[in-house]
Amino acid sequence: MSAMAYDVIYTRTAERDKERIVAYLLYERENPRGAQRILAGLDHLVENLSRMPEMYPNAADGRAAEAGYRRAGFASYVALYRIAGDMVEIDRIFHAKQDYARLL
């Protein structure tokens, strides 16, 4: 028996987070490799989430914990997501040094 595959989606806010991060790396940092690394990291994260969304820990901080988020780290970033039935919804993407619990 094969494991259930989850559909992984980005919320509009998470899409904006992703675009902002990539634009920052490309245009302000002039670091196309960094931007590619972030996008590859997100692709890998989506693969993991589609197979085993429970593999990442529950968020332990403030509003993120109260809202039932899980926290997945990749590169120097953190994605906050929730599992709803057979869907995984990535809600936000932050740099790991940001106080994501305060910024929700």
C-alpha atoms as a PDB file:
ATOM      1  CA  MET A   1       0.000   0.000   0.000  1.00  0.00           C
ATOM      2  CA  SER A   2       1.444   3.372  -0.954  1.00  0.00           C
ATOM      3  CA  ALA A   3       1.410   6.432   1.273  1.00  0.00           C
ATOM      4  CA  MET A   4      -1.196   9.087   0.728  1.00  0.00           C
ATOM      5  CA  ALA A   5      -0.083  11.991  -1.429  1.00  0.00           C
ATOM      6  CA  TYR A   6      -0.998  15.427  -0.127  1.00  0.00           C
ATOM      7  CA  ASP A   7      -1.712  18.417  -2.355  1.00  0.00           C
ATOM      8  CA  VAL A   8       0.589  21.274  -1.376  1.00  0.00           C
ATOM      9  CA  ILE A   9      -0.518  24.828  -2.083  1.00  0.00           C
ATOM     10  CA  TYR A  10       0.839  28.285  -1.334  1.00  0.00           C
ATOM     11  CA  THR A  11      -1.518  30.903   0.020  1.00  0.00           C
ATOM     12  CA  ARG A  12      -1.480  34.263  -1.719  1.00  0.00           C
ATOM     13  CA  THR A  13       0.555  35.621   1.215  1.00  0.00           C
ATOM     14  CA  ALA A  14       3.130  32.825   0.934  1.00  0.00           C
ATOM     15  CA  GLU A  15       3.403  33.456  -2.826  1.00  0.00           C
ATOM     16  CA  ARG A  16       4.134  37.117  -2.054  1.00  0.00           C
ATOM     17  CA  ASP A  17       6.708  36.094   0.563  1.00  0.00           C
ATOM     18  CA  LYS A  18       8.418  33.855  -2.015  1.00  0.00           C
ATOM     19  CA  GLU A  19       8.402  36.581  -4.683  1.00  0.00           C
ATOM     20  CA  ARG A  20       9.759  39.140  -2.217  1.00  0.00           C
ATOM     21  CA  ILE A  21      12.602  36.844  -1.126  1.00  0.00           C
ATOM     22  CA  VAL A  22      13.588  35.985  -4.708  1.00  0.00           C
ATOM     23  CA  ALA A  23      13.415  39.648  -5.796  1.00  0.00           C
ATOM     24  CA  TYR A  24      15.544  40.677  -2.801  1.00  0.00           C
ATOM     25  CA  LEU A  25      18.202  38.086  -3.638  1.00  0.00           C
ATOM     26  CA  LEU A  26      18.179  38.883  -7.359  1.00  0.00           C
ATOM     27  CA  TYR A  27      18.012  42.672  -7.322  1.00  0.00           C
ATOM     28  CA  GLU A  28      19.271  43.901  -3.974  1.00  0.00           C
ATOM     29  CA  ARG A  29      21.837  41.223  -3.201  1.00  0.00           C
ATOM     30  CA  GLU A  30      22.587  40.471  -6.880  1.00  0.00           C
ATOM     31  CA  ASN A  31      22.719  36.806  -5.941  1.00  0.00           C
ATOM     32  CA  PRO A  32      21.012  34.685  -8.610  1.00  0.00           C
ATOM     33  CA  ARG A  33      22.534  31.515  -7.146  1.00  0.00           C
ATOM     34  CA  GLY A  34      20.971  32.323  -3.798  1.00  0.00           C
ATOM     35  CA  ALA A  35      17.595  32.837  -5.460  1.00  0.00           C
ATOM     36  CA  GLN A  36      17.948  29.495  -7.276  1.00  0.00           C
ATOM     37  CA  ARG A  37      18.923  27.816  -3.997  1.00  0.00           C
ATOM     38  CA  ILE A  38      15.779  29.171  -2.300  1.00  0.00           C
ATOM     39  CA  LEU A  39      13.519  28.014  -5.134  1.00  0.00           C
ATOM     40  CA  ALA A  40      15.183  24.573  -5.165  1.00  0.00           C
ATOM     41  CA  GLY A  41      14.787  24.398  -1.384  1.00  0.00           C
ATOM     42  CA  LEU A  42      11.087  25.210  -1.700  1.00  0.00           C
ATOM     43  CA  ASP A  43      10.657  22.567  -4.415  1.00  0.00           C
ATOM     44  CA  HIS A  44      12.302  20.001  -2.127  1.00  0.00           C
ATOM     45  CA  LEU A  45      10.121  21.134   0.786  1.00  0.00           C
ATOM     46  CA  VAL A  46       6.965  20.745  -1.320  1.00  0.00           C
ATOM     47  CA  GLU A  47       8.074  17.206  -2.249  1.00  0.00           C
ATOM     48  CA  ASN A  48       8.588  16.348   1.426  1.00  0.00           C
ATOM     49  CA  LEU A  49       5.285  17.885   2.446  1.00  0.00           C
ATOM     50  CA  SER A  50       3.407  16.006  -0.271  1.00  0.00           C
ATOM     51  CA  ARG A  51       4.732  12.709   1.098  1.00  0.00           C
ATOM     52  CA  MET A  52       5.094  13.259   4.853  1.00  0.00           C
ATOM     53  CA  PRO A  53       3.785  16.599   6.139  1.00  0.00           C
ATOM     54  CA  GLU A  54       4.111  15.422   9.752  1.00  0.00           C
ATOM     55  CA  MET A  55       7.901  15.134   9.404  1.00  0.00           C
ATOM     56  CA  TYR A  56       8.382  18.748  10.532  1.00  0.00           C
ATOM     57  CA  PRO A  57       7.716  19.875  14.112  1.00  0.00           C
ATOM     58  CA  ASN A  58       4.813  21.885  15.397  1.00  0.00           C
ATOM     59  CA  ALA A  59       5.629  25.573  15.780  1.00  0.00           C
ATOM     60  CA  ALA A  60       6.443  26.275  19.407  1.00  0.00           C
ATOM     61  CA  ASP A  61       6.093  30.049  19.458  1.00  0.00           C
ATOM     62  CA  GLY A  62       3.119  32.270  20.282  1.00  0.00           C
ATOM     63  CA  ARG A  63       0.492  32.759  17.624  1.00  0.00           C
ATOM     64  CA  ALA A  64       2.105  30.221  15.289  1.00  0.00           C
ATOM     65  CA  ALA A  65       1.680  27.477  17.897  1.00  0.00           C
ATOM     66  CA  GLU A  66      -1.838  28.629  18.810  1.00  0.00           C
ATOM     67  CA  ALA A  67      -2.871  28.577  15.136  1.00  0.00           C
ATOM     68  CA  GLY A  68      -1.622  24.997  14.713  1.00  0.00           C
ATOM     69  CA  TYR A  69       1.255  25.720  12.353  1.00  0.00           C
ATOM     70  CA  ARG A  70       4.127  23.417  11.669  1.00  0.00           C
ATOM     71  CA  ARG A  71       7.579  24.847  11.017  1.00  0.00           C
ATOM     72  CA  ALA A  72       9.768  23.602   8.164  1.00  0.00           C
ATOM     73  CA  GLY A  73      13.286  24.940   7.775  1.00  0.00           C
ATOM     74  CA  PHE A  74      15.099  25.091   4.435  1.00  0.00           C
ATOM     75  CA  ALA A  75      18.236  27.025   3.448  1.00  0.00           C
ATOM     76  CA  SER A  76      18.102  30.075   5.768  1.00  0.00           C
ATOM     77  CA  TYR A  77      14.311  30.226   5.727  1.00  0.00           C
ATOM     78  CA  VAL A  78      11.289  28.891   7.566  1.00  0.00           C
ATOM     79  CA  ALA A  79       7.940  27.955   6.040  1.00  0.00           C
ATOM     80  CA  LEU A  80       4.873  27.860   8.259  1.00  0.00           C
ATOM     81  CA  TYR A  81       2.198  25.469   7.103  1.00  0.00           C
ATOM     82  CA  ARG A  82      -0.913  23.630   8.219  1.00  0.00           C
ATOM     83  CA  ILE A  83      -2.314  20.243   7.297  1.00  0.00           C
ATOM     84  CA  ALA A  84      -6.025  20.152   6.453  1.00  0.00           C
ATOM     85  CA  GLY A  85      -7.274  16.729   5.406  1.00  0.00           C
ATOM     86  CA  ASP A  86      -5.322  15.721   2.304  1.00  0.00           C
ATOM     87  CA  MET A  87      -4.012  19.245   1.696  1.00  0.00           C
ATOM     88  CA  VAL A  88      -0.989  21.111   3.007  1.00  0.00           C
ATOM     89  CA  GLU A  89      -1.222  24.884   2.926  1.00  0.00           C
ATOM     90  CA  ILE A  90       2.009  26.890   3.113  1.00  0.00           C
ATOM     91  CA  ASP A  91       0.913  30.159   4.717  1.00  0.00           C
ATOM     92  CA  ARG A  92       4.105  32.146   5.253  1.00  0.00           C
ATOM     93  CA  ILE A  93       7.821  32.078   4.450  1.00  0.00           C
ATOM     94  CA  PHE A  94      10.293  33.968   6.640  1.00  0.00           C
ATOM     95  CA  HIS A  95      14.027  34.324   6.979  1.00  0.00           C
ATOM     96  CA  ALA A  96      15.092  32.155   9.903  1.00  0.00           C
ATOM     97  CA  LYS A  97      16.388  35.204  11.811  1.00  0.00           C
ATOM     98  CA  GLN A  98      12.989  36.913  11.694  1.00  0.00           C
ATOM     99  CA  ASP A  99      10.648  36.669  14.651  1.00  0.00           C
ATOM    100  CA  TYR A 100       7.993  34.873  12.621  1.00  0.00           C
ATOM    101  CA  ALA A 101       5.698  34.291  15.596  1.00  0.00           C
ATOM    102  CA  ARG A 102       5.449  38.066  16.094  1.00  0.00           C
ATOM    103  CA  LEU A 103       5.014  38.773  12.370  1.00  0.00           C
ATOM    104  CA  LEU A 104       2.041  36.475  11.758  1.00  0.00           C
END
